[in-house]
Amino acid sequence: MPQPGGRTLLGGKIHVIKVGTSSLLTNDEVGGQKVSLSNISRLVELIASLRKSGDHVVLVSSGAVGMGCLKLGLSQRPTGPGVKQALAAAGQSRLMRLYEDLFAVIGVNVAQLLISRDD
């Protein structure tokens, strides 16, 4: 039966956390961008804490295009849909690797589910 603040599943609440690019990246010293390890680490610790209390977490993450820009050394984010799609493809693997590495430190397995607006 649903509880206030979230739905229940196997005895715990379900938390859906949406993280945008601005939470994953931060400005560097020379005006570019870099990965915000402190923000991502806090997110990982929050999710671990929720899971430890018996809750379930779904992380909805943007950031693939921004990570693609970093991976390919682009200082400005392109606007064309084809270029953005290519950057997202390049950045998605790096983003998942980052999540996998950080969650592995605390013993949490992660998986990826790609969805579209129609899903």
Protein backbone atom coordinates (compact mmCIF):
# COMPACT_ATOMS: atom_id res chain seq x y z
CA MET A 1 0.00 0.00 0.00
CA PRO A 2 1.39 3.45 -0.88
CA GLN A 3 2.75 5.56 1.95
CA PRO A 4 3.05 9.36 2.12
CA GLY A 5 6.32 10.48 0.57
CA GLY A 6 6.75 7.54 -1.78
CA ARG A 7 5.37 4.23 -2.99
CA THR A 8 6.23 1.07 -1.14
CA LEU A 9 7.91 -1.93 -2.70
CA LEU A 10 8.93 -4.95 -0.69
CA GLY A 11 8.73 -2.97 2.53
CA GLY A 12 10.57 0.19 1.50
CA LYS A 13 9.78 3.46 -0.18
CA ILE A 14 10.77 4.20 -3.77
CA HIS A 15 12.73 7.42 -4.20
CA VAL A 16 13.21 8.89 -7.68
CA ILE A 17 16.17 11.27 -7.78
CA LYS A 18 16.69 13.47 -10.85
CA VAL A 19 20.21 14.79 -11.37
CA GLY A 20 20.97 17.37 -14.04
CA THR A 21 24.17 18.26 -15.82
CA SER A 22 24.70 21.28 -13.58
CA SER A 23 24.91 18.95 -10.57
CA LEU A 24 27.43 16.66 -12.26
CA LEU A 25 29.74 19.30 -13.73
CA THR A 26 31.28 22.42 -12.27
CA ASN A 27 33.39 25.27 -13.61
CA ASP A 28 37.14 24.82 -13.51
CA GLU A 29 39.84 27.42 -12.86
CA VAL A 30 40.21 28.46 -16.51
CA GLY A 31 36.55 28.89 -17.43
CA GLY A 32 35.89 25.38 -18.69
CA GLN A 33 34.08 22.57 -16.96
CA LYS A 34 35.10 19.51 -14.99
CA VAL A 35 33.37 16.67 -13.19
CA SER A 36 32.13 17.63 -9.72
CA LEU A 37 33.35 14.62 -7.79
CA SER A 38 32.19 16.17 -4.51
CA ASN A 39 28.58 16.48 -5.73
CA ILE A 40 28.53 13.00 -7.22
CA SER A 41 30.11 11.49 -4.10
CA ARG A 42 27.44 13.12 -1.91
CA LEU A 43 24.77 11.72 -4.22
CA VAL A 44 26.27 8.23 -3.94
CA GLU A 45 26.38 8.49 -0.14
CA LEU A 46 22.75 9.68 -0.04
CA ILE A 47 21.60 6.78 -2.19
CA ALA A 48 23.60 4.32 -0.07
CA SER A 49 21.98 5.71 3.07
CA LEU A 50 18.47 5.37 1.61
CA ARG A 51 19.19 1.80 0.52
CA LYS A 52 20.62 0.95 3.94
CA SER A 53 17.35 2.07 5.53
CA GLY A 54 15.47 -0.40 3.28
CA ASP A 55 14.31 2.02 0.62
CA HIS A 56 14.69 1.69 -3.14
CA VAL A 57 16.21 4.36 -5.37
CA VAL A 58 15.84 5.17 -9.04
CA LEU A 59 18.46 7.67 -10.24
CA VAL A 60 17.43 9.65 -13.31
CA SER A 61 20.54 11.29 -14.67
CA SER A 62 21.20 13.81 -17.38
CA GLY A 63 24.75 14.74 -18.20
CA ALA A 64 25.73 12.53 -21.13
CA VAL A 65 26.15 15.47 -23.52
CA GLY A 66 28.20 17.43 -20.98
CA MET A 67 30.37 14.39 -20.29
CA GLY A 68 30.81 13.94 -24.04
CA CYS A 69 32.04 17.53 -24.31
CA LEU A 70 34.60 16.82 -21.59
CA LYS A 71 35.63 13.52 -23.16
CA LEU A 72 36.19 15.11 -26.56
CA GLY A 73 37.75 18.30 -25.19
CA LEU A 74 35.06 20.71 -26.39
CA SER A 75 34.93 24.00 -24.54
CA GLN A 76 31.49 24.98 -25.84
CA ARG A 77 28.39 22.86 -26.03
CA PRO A 78 27.17 22.46 -29.65
CA THR A 79 23.50 23.03 -30.41
CA GLY A 80 22.81 20.84 -33.46
CA PRO A 81 20.76 17.71 -32.70
CA GLY A 82 23.11 15.36 -34.59
CA VAL A 83 26.17 16.67 -32.78
CA LYS A 84 24.41 16.54 -29.42
CA GLN A 85 23.40 12.94 -30.11
CA ALA A 86 27.01 12.03 -30.93
CA LEU A 87 28.23 13.76 -27.77
CA ALA A 88 25.64 11.93 -25.69
CA ALA A 89 26.85 8.62 -27.14
CA ALA A 90 30.45 9.52 -26.30
CA GLY A 91 29.59 10.79 -22.82
CA GLN A 92 27.15 8.09 -21.71
CA SER A 93 29.84 5.45 -21.32
CA ARG A 94 31.98 7.81 -19.25
CA LEU A 95 29.01 8.77 -17.07
CA MET A 96 28.08 5.15 -16.40
CA ARG A 97 31.71 4.27 -15.68
CA LEU A 98 31.84 7.06 -13.11
CA TYR A 99 28.65 5.88 -11.43
CA GLU A 100 29.80 2.25 -11.50
CA ASP A 101 33.19 3.09 -9.99
CA LEU A 102 31.82 5.24 -7.19
CA PHE A 103 28.97 2.89 -6.28
CA ALA A 104 31.35 -0.10 -6.36
CA VAL A 105 33.38 1.49 -3.56
CA ILE A 106 30.36 1.12 -1.28
CA GLY A 107 29.31 -2.26 -2.66
CA VAL A 108 26.28 -1.17 -4.68
CA ASN A 109 25.69 -2.58 -8.16
CA VAL A 110 24.23 -0.26 -10.77
CA ALA A 111 22.47 -0.76 -14.09
CA GLN A 112 21.37 1.47 -16.90
CA LEU A 113 17.96 1.76 -18.52
CA LEU A 114 17.67 4.03 -21.53
CA ILE A 115 14.23 5.51 -22.10
CA SER A 116 12.71 8.07 -24.43
CA ARG A 117 9.92 10.59 -23.94
CA ASP A 118 7.48 8.05 -25.40
CA ASP A 119 8.33 5.49 -22.71
